[in-house]
Every structure is written in structure tokens, then in C-alpha cells.
Amino acid sequence: MDSGLHRSRFGPGRVRRGWLAVWAAVLWAGAVQADITFEDPALDAWKQLPVADEVLVLKSERKLYLLSEGEVLREFDIMLGGAPKGHKEREGDMRTPEGRYHLDLRNTNSDFFLSIRVSYPDPHDRRRAQRRGVDPGGQIMIHGFPNDRRYPERYYQGEDWTDGCIAVNDADMIDIWLMTRENTPIEIRP
């Protein structure tokens, strides 16, 4: 299926980095939030990454795109909830929501390798759940792999295994973390 997106000259965001780069990225991201500056050329390179003004998720394609002015900056493979078809209706349904939200909270102390919360449920989601007499659920995140893995890594790379979140590999999570800001809009399509 053609997503209708323009391909970027930057190519896919599947750049592999060592653990040193991982910790440098986390350190730098924390410094950005605390408004601390470093005099390290390696960290200055992170500051040169483009910043997305929108995130687009195409569930059927298992893709997440970071966009700037409609152009694709990076493209990532994703894994979804265990029952990925359809909009999230209630807590525990294993679905990833669909609609327009924002990235509203970053967590470096997650059970997963970094996480960024999606603002689900919004008031419309809450009203719909209330009409059905169910809890809409929440804590939908974009996140990396679990810190304490129960299964071999290949399990997390090819299956829809989350409870409704959007998962990427750890290296891709670094790019998403560094290339988005708080309140970046995210659209999740079927």
C-alpha cells in the first residue's frame, strides 16, 4: 500500500549505534530538558539532527514517520499491540489507538528503553468509553525494547507484542527521542 509520503534523501533511520552513543544521547536529551550545555563535539553532533514537527504512524504498514513540513525525515519499523486492528476501545484490549494526539511526556526511567507518552485518551475517547461503561485505558507510549527481556531479541523485532503501545528497536528510539519535542503532534492511522 502506498502511504502517499515523499521519500526523504536521508533514507531510513536504522542507524546502529554502540552503547556509548546510547548513553550520550540520553545524557544530552536530559541536558536539553534541563537547559544544560556541554562543550563536547560528539554531543554537538546530536544537536544538528533535524526536529520533526509531526509524527505519523501507519499501523497497517507497521511504520512510524518523523515529518518536517510534510517531508519524511526518518522512517522506522514498529511493533504494535497484540490485537492491532481497530481503534483502542478499552483497557486491556491490546489495541493501539487511532487518531490525532500529542507526545506529552518523556520517561528515562521506563520499564522499556526510553518512552514517550501519547496523549491518549483524549476527551472524545473518554466520553466514548464512558458511554460503553468501560475504562478507556491509557499510558500509550512510543518505546524501545523492554529493559528486562523475557524472550530472545528476535521476538521483539518481528511480532506485535505490546499491550497497545508503539515499539521500536532501541537505536531507533534514540532518534525518535532526539528528533521530537514535547507536544509534537502524532497521527495514528489504521
C-alpha atoms as a PDB file:
ATOM      1  CA  MET A   1       0.000   0.000   0.000  1.00  0.00           C
ATOM      2  CA  ASP A   2       1.368   3.405  -0.923  1.00  0.00           C
ATOM      3  CA  SER A   3       1.340   5.793   2.035  1.00  0.00           C
ATOM      4  CA  GLY A   4       1.453   8.843  -0.221  1.00  0.00           C
ATOM      5  CA  LEU A   5       4.525  10.147   1.577  1.00  0.00           C
ATOM      6  CA  HIS A   6       7.516  11.616  -0.175  1.00  0.00           C
ATOM      7  CA  ARG A   7      10.712   9.677   0.388  1.00  0.00           C
ATOM      8  CA  SER A   8      13.471  11.628   2.047  1.00  0.00           C
ATOM      9  CA  ARG A   9      17.043  11.860   0.858  1.00  0.00           C
ATOM     10  CA  PHE A  10      18.044  10.937   4.411  1.00  0.00           C
ATOM     11  CA  GLY A  11      16.920   7.307   3.968  1.00  0.00           C
ATOM     12  CA  PRO A  12      15.618   5.008   6.686  1.00  0.00           C
ATOM     13  CA  GLY A  13      16.522   5.687  10.293  1.00  0.00           C
ATOM     14  CA  ARG A  14      18.070   2.311  11.016  1.00  0.00           C
ATOM     15  CA  VAL A  15      21.464   3.630  12.064  1.00  0.00           C
ATOM     16  CA  ARG A  16      23.176   1.343  14.578  1.00  0.00           C
ATOM     17  CA  ARG A  17      24.967   2.924  17.498  1.00  0.00           C
ATOM     18  CA  GLY A  18      27.041   1.483  20.331  1.00  0.00           C
ATOM     19  CA  TRP A  19      26.081   1.746  23.987  1.00  0.00           C
ATOM     20  CA  LEU A  20      28.358   4.764  24.376  1.00  0.00           C
ATOM     21  CA  ALA A  21      26.230   6.626  21.878  1.00  0.00           C
ATOM     22  CA  VAL A  22      23.079   5.460  23.646  1.00  0.00           C
ATOM     23  CA  TRP A  23      24.189   6.920  26.954  1.00  0.00           C
ATOM     24  CA  ALA A  24      25.482  10.066  25.278  1.00  0.00           C
ATOM     25  CA  ALA A  25      22.070  10.549  23.680  1.00  0.00           C
ATOM     26  CA  VAL A  26      20.222  10.038  26.947  1.00  0.00           C
ATOM     27  CA  LEU A  27      22.620  12.384  28.723  1.00  0.00           C
ATOM     28  CA  TRP A  28      22.219  15.014  26.024  1.00  0.00           C
ATOM     29  CA  ALA A  29      18.422  14.640  25.985  1.00  0.00           C
ATOM     30  CA  GLY A  30      18.353  15.155  29.745  1.00  0.00           C
ATOM     31  CA  ALA A  31      20.603  18.176  29.362  1.00  0.00           C
ATOM     32  CA  VAL A  32      18.272  19.681  26.750  1.00  0.00           C
ATOM     33  CA  GLN A  33      15.340  19.337  29.154  1.00  0.00           C
ATOM     34  CA  ALA A  34      17.405  20.885  31.973  1.00  0.00           C
ATOM     35  CA  ASP A  35      18.874  23.546  29.652  1.00  0.00           C
ATOM     36  CA  ILE A  36      22.468  22.459  30.361  1.00  0.00           C
ATOM     37  CA  THR A  37      25.169  22.942  27.735  1.00  0.00           C
ATOM     38  CA  PHE A  38      28.165  20.728  27.014  1.00  0.00           C
ATOM     39  CA  GLU A  39      31.400  21.533  25.206  1.00  0.00           C
ATOM     40  CA  ASP A  40      31.705  18.102  23.573  1.00  0.00           C
ATOM     41  CA  PRO A  41      31.852  17.860  19.737  1.00  0.00           C
ATOM     42  CA  ALA A  42      30.168  14.419  19.797  1.00  0.00           C
ATOM     43  CA  LEU A  43      27.197  15.846  21.673  1.00  0.00           C
ATOM     44  CA  ASP A  44      27.123  18.875  19.390  1.00  0.00           C
ATOM     45  CA  ALA A  45      26.514  16.453  16.501  1.00  0.00           C
ATOM     46  CA  TRP A  46      23.272  15.337  18.204  1.00  0.00           C
ATOM     47  CA  LYS A  47      22.116  18.940  18.256  1.00  0.00           C
ATOM     48  CA  GLN A  48      22.389  19.011  14.454  1.00  0.00           C
ATOM     49  CA  LEU A  49      19.665  16.395  13.996  1.00  0.00           C
ATOM     50  CA  PRO A  50      16.544  17.807  12.336  1.00  0.00           C
ATOM     51  CA  VAL A  51      13.477  18.189  14.547  1.00  0.00           C
ATOM     52  CA  ALA A  52      10.148  16.709  13.487  1.00  0.00           C
ATOM     53  CA  ASP A  53       7.051  18.876  13.581  1.00  0.00           C
ATOM     54  CA  GLU A  54       4.758  15.831  13.269  1.00  0.00           C
ATOM     55  CA  VAL A  55       4.810  12.072  13.803  1.00  0.00           C
ATOM     56  CA  LEU A  56       2.775   9.803  11.525  1.00  0.00           C
ATOM     57  CA  VAL A  57       2.075   6.151  12.325  1.00  0.00           C
ATOM     58  CA  LEU A  58       0.619   3.834   9.683  1.00  0.00           C
ATOM     59  CA  LYS A  59      -0.469   0.766  11.624  1.00  0.00           C
ATOM     60  CA  SER A  60      -1.182  -1.401   8.570  1.00  0.00           C
ATOM     61  CA  GLU A  61       2.323  -0.761   7.237  1.00  0.00           C
ATOM     62  CA  ARG A  62       3.997  -1.063  10.666  1.00  0.00           C
ATOM     63  CA  LYS A  63       5.780   2.256  10.028  1.00  0.00           C
ATOM     64  CA  LEU A  64       6.418   5.422  12.014  1.00  0.00           C
ATOM     65  CA  TYR A  65       7.487   8.548  10.139  1.00  0.00           C
ATOM     66  CA  LEU A  66       9.071  11.684  11.543  1.00  0.00           C
ATOM     67  CA  LEU A  67       7.951  14.589   9.361  1.00  0.00           C
ATOM     68  CA  SER A  68       9.020  18.183   8.924  1.00  0.00           C
ATOM     69  CA  GLU A  69       6.779  20.382   6.807  1.00  0.00           C
ATOM     70  CA  GLY A  70       5.293  17.250   5.248  1.00  0.00           C
ATOM     71  CA  GLU A  71       8.650  15.751   4.244  1.00  0.00           C
ATOM     72  CA  VAL A  72       9.875  12.490   5.721  1.00  0.00           C
ATOM     73  CA  LEU A  73      12.946  12.978   7.913  1.00  0.00           C
ATOM     74  CA  ARG A  74      13.159   9.366   9.130  1.00  0.00           C
ATOM     75  CA  GLU A  75      11.182   6.140   8.763  1.00  0.00           C
ATOM     76  CA  PHE A  76      11.056   3.383  11.382  1.00  0.00           C
ATOM     77  CA  ASP A  77       9.696  -0.151  11.587  1.00  0.00           C
ATOM     78  CA  ILE A  78       7.282  -0.580  14.501  1.00  0.00           C
ATOM     79  CA  MET A  79       5.530  -3.252  16.522  1.00  0.00           C
ATOM     80  CA  LEU A  80       2.040  -2.672  17.911  1.00  0.00           C
ATOM     81  CA  GLY A  81      -0.391  -4.135  20.401  1.00  0.00           C
ATOM     82  CA  GLY A  82      -1.239  -7.811  20.218  1.00  0.00           C
ATOM     83  CA  ALA A  83      -4.630  -7.016  18.566  1.00  0.00           C
ATOM     84  CA  PRO A  84      -3.584  -4.195  16.237  1.00  0.00           C
ATOM     85  CA  LYS A  85      -6.700  -3.778  14.057  1.00  0.00           C
ATOM     86  CA  GLY A  86      -9.151  -1.087  15.070  1.00  0.00           C
ATOM     87  CA  HIS A  87      -9.117   1.841  17.467  1.00  0.00           C
ATOM     88  CA  LYS A  88      -8.441   1.263  21.154  1.00  0.00           C
ATOM     89  CA  GLU A  89     -11.792   0.986  22.922  1.00  0.00           C
ATOM     90  CA  ARG A  90     -10.955  -0.076  26.476  1.00  0.00           C
ATOM     91  CA  GLU A  91      -8.237  -1.003  28.925  1.00  0.00           C
ATOM     92  CA  GLY A  92      -6.728  -4.398  28.121  1.00  0.00           C
ATOM     93  CA  ASP A  93      -7.968  -4.743  24.524  1.00  0.00           C
ATOM     94  CA  MET A  94      -4.360  -4.856  23.221  1.00  0.00           C
ATOM     95  CA  ARG A  95      -5.156  -2.243  20.549  1.00  0.00           C
ATOM     96  CA  THR A  96      -3.121   0.784  19.573  1.00  0.00           C
ATOM     97  CA  PRO A  97      -5.327   3.907  19.372  1.00  0.00           C
ATOM     98  CA  GLU A  98      -6.075   5.698  16.118  1.00  0.00           C
ATOM     99  CA  GLY A  99      -6.480   9.438  15.735  1.00  0.00           C
ATOM    100  CA  ARG A 100      -4.666  12.690  16.427  1.00  0.00           C
ATOM    101  CA  TYR A 101      -2.830  13.118  19.713  1.00  0.00           C
ATOM    102  CA  HIS A 102       0.371  14.722  21.078  1.00  0.00           C
ATOM    103  CA  LEU A 103       3.600  13.434  22.556  1.00  0.00           C
ATOM    104  CA  ASP A 104       3.140  14.759  26.062  1.00  0.00           C
ATOM    105  CA  LEU A 105       5.630  13.167  28.464  1.00  0.00           C
ATOM    106  CA  ARG A 106       9.144  11.682  28.281  1.00  0.00           C
ATOM    107  CA  ASN A 107      10.355   8.963  30.622  1.00  0.00           C
ATOM    108  CA  THR A 108      14.007   7.952  31.019  1.00  0.00           C
ATOM    109  CA  ASN A 109      13.095   5.616  33.922  1.00  0.00           C
ATOM    110  CA  SER A 110      10.721   3.455  31.930  1.00  0.00           C
ATOM    111  CA  ASP A 111      10.492  -0.342  32.043  1.00  0.00           C
ATOM    112  CA  PHE A 112      11.425  -0.030  28.380  1.00  0.00           C
ATOM    113  CA  PHE A 113      14.400   1.631  26.720  1.00  0.00           C
ATOM    114  CA  LEU A 114      13.142   5.233  26.870  1.00  0.00           C
ATOM    115  CA  SER A 115       9.474   6.049  26.388  1.00  0.00           C
ATOM    116  CA  ILE A 116       7.420   8.972  25.159  1.00  0.00           C
ATOM    117  CA  ARG A 117       3.737   9.061  26.115  1.00  0.00           C
ATOM    118  CA  VAL A 118       0.975   9.607  23.570  1.00  0.00           C
ATOM    119  CA  SER A 119      -1.850  11.802  24.922  1.00  0.00           C
ATOM    120  CA  TYR A 120      -4.461   9.019  24.637  1.00  0.00           C
ATOM    121  CA  PRO A 121      -7.189   9.057  25.888  1.00  0.00           C
ATOM    122  CA  ASP A 122      -8.439  12.446  24.803  1.00  0.00           C
ATOM    123  CA  PRO A 123     -11.858  13.799  25.923  1.00  0.00           C
ATOM    124  CA  HIS A 124     -13.608  12.117  22.952  1.00  0.00           C
ATOM    125  CA  ASP A 125     -12.041   8.740  23.861  1.00  0.00           C
ATOM    126  CA  ARG A 126     -13.150   9.180  27.483  1.00  0.00           C
ATOM    127  CA  ARG A 127     -16.745  10.012  26.508  1.00  0.00           C
ATOM    128  CA  ARG A 128     -16.927   7.021  24.146  1.00  0.00           C
ATOM    129  CA  ALA A 129     -15.613   4.687  26.863  1.00  0.00           C
ATOM    130  CA  GLN A 130     -17.993   6.178  29.447  1.00  0.00           C
ATOM    131  CA  ARG A 131     -20.973   5.545  27.130  1.00  0.00           C
ATOM    132  CA  ARG A 132     -19.885   1.896  26.929  1.00  0.00           C
ATOM    133  CA  GLY A 133     -19.255   1.673  30.661  1.00  0.00           C
ATOM    134  CA  VAL A 134     -15.559   0.770  30.249  1.00  0.00           C
ATOM    135  CA  ASP A 135     -12.181   2.218  31.224  1.00  0.00           C
ATOM    136  CA  PRO A 136     -10.553   3.709  28.086  1.00  0.00           C
ATOM    137  CA  GLY A 137      -7.089   2.651  29.218  1.00  0.00           C
ATOM    138  CA  GLY A 138      -4.051   4.867  28.929  1.00  0.00           C
ATOM    139  CA  GLN A 139      -0.295   5.039  29.200  1.00  0.00           C
ATOM    140  CA  ILE A 140       0.132   4.515  25.466  1.00  0.00           C
ATOM    141  CA  MET A 141       3.794   5.048  24.674  1.00  0.00           C
ATOM    142  CA  ILE A 142       6.321   5.013  21.906  1.00  0.00           C
ATOM    143  CA  HIS A 143       9.118   2.971  23.460  1.00  0.00           C
ATOM    144  CA  GLY A 144      12.101   0.739  22.869  1.00  0.00           C
ATOM    145  CA  PHE A 145      12.534  -2.883  23.879  1.00  0.00           C
ATOM    146  CA  PRO A 146      11.963  -3.995  27.492  1.00  0.00           C
ATOM    147  CA  ASN A 147      14.870  -3.451  29.860  1.00  0.00           C
ATOM    148  CA  ASP A 148      14.283  -6.920  31.341  1.00  0.00           C
ATOM    149  CA  ARG A 149      13.633  -9.101  28.322  1.00  0.00           C
ATOM    150  CA  ARG A 150      11.701 -12.325  28.844  1.00  0.00           C
ATOM    151  CA  TYR A 151      12.182 -13.517  25.270  1.00  0.00           C
ATOM    152  CA  PRO A 152      15.042 -13.545  22.725  1.00  0.00           C
ATOM    153  CA  GLU A 153      15.553 -10.239  20.900  1.00  0.00           C
ATOM    154  CA  ARG A 154      14.158 -11.634  17.625  1.00  0.00           C
ATOM    155  CA  TYR A 155      10.744 -11.940  19.340  1.00  0.00           C
ATOM    156  CA  TYR A 156      10.613  -8.171  19.873  1.00  0.00           C
ATOM    157  CA  GLN A 157      11.664  -7.398  16.302  1.00  0.00           C
ATOM    158  CA  GLY A 158       9.048  -9.250  14.327  1.00  0.00           C
ATOM    159  CA  GLU A 159       5.869  -9.615  16.366  1.00  0.00           C
ATOM    160  CA  ASP A 160       3.166  -7.283  17.629  1.00  0.00           C
ATOM    161  CA  TRP A 161       3.896  -7.755  21.329  1.00  0.00           C
ATOM    162  CA  THR A 162       2.914  -4.603  23.229  1.00  0.00           C
ATOM    163  CA  ASP A 163      -0.250  -4.010  25.261  1.00  0.00           C
ATOM    164  CA  GLY A 164      -1.221  -1.236  22.815  1.00  0.00           C
ATOM    165  CA  CYS A 165       1.946   0.851  22.629  1.00  0.00           C
ATOM    166  CA  ILE A 166       4.159   1.555  19.628  1.00  0.00           C
ATOM    167  CA  ALA A 167       7.523  -0.184  19.975  1.00  0.00           C
ATOM    168  CA  VAL A 168      10.754   0.343  18.032  1.00  0.00           C
ATOM    169  CA  ASN A 169      14.243  -1.028  18.488  1.00  0.00           C
ATOM    170  CA  ASP A 170      16.454   0.823  20.965  1.00  0.00           C
ATOM    171  CA  ALA A 171      18.647   2.537  18.357  1.00  0.00           C
ATOM    172  CA  ASP A 172      15.561   3.898  16.578  1.00  0.00           C
ATOM    173  CA  MET A 173      14.136   5.058  19.911  1.00  0.00           C
ATOM    174  CA  ILE A 174      17.183   7.290  20.363  1.00  0.00           C
ATOM    175  CA  ASP A 175      16.476   9.019  17.048  1.00  0.00           C
ATOM    176  CA  ILE A 176      12.790   9.467  17.871  1.00  0.00           C
ATOM    177  CA  TRP A 177      13.669  10.811  21.346  1.00  0.00           C
ATOM    178  CA  LEU A 178      16.149  13.343  19.962  1.00  0.00           C
ATOM    179  CA  MET A 179      14.134  14.395  16.915  1.00  0.00           C
ATOM    180  CA  THR A 180      10.827  15.146  18.682  1.00  0.00           C
ATOM    181  CA  ARG A 181       9.841  17.648  21.322  1.00  0.00           C
ATOM    182  CA  GLU A 182       7.106  17.812  23.933  1.00  0.00           C
ATOM    183  CA  ASN A 183       3.673  18.393  22.364  1.00  0.00           C
ATOM    184  CA  THR A 184       4.738  17.202  18.920  1.00  0.00           C
ATOM    185  CA  PRO A 185       1.507  16.160  17.160  1.00  0.00           C
ATOM    186  CA  ILE A 186       1.149  12.455  16.345  1.00  0.00           C
ATOM    187  CA  GLU A 187      -1.405  10.995  13.964  1.00  0.00           C
ATOM    188  CA  ILE A 188      -2.046   7.258  14.160  1.00  0.00           C
ATOM    189  CA  ARG A 189      -3.811   5.839  11.109  1.00  0.00           C
ATOM    190  CA  PRO A 190      -5.211   2.334  10.523  1.00  0.00           C
END
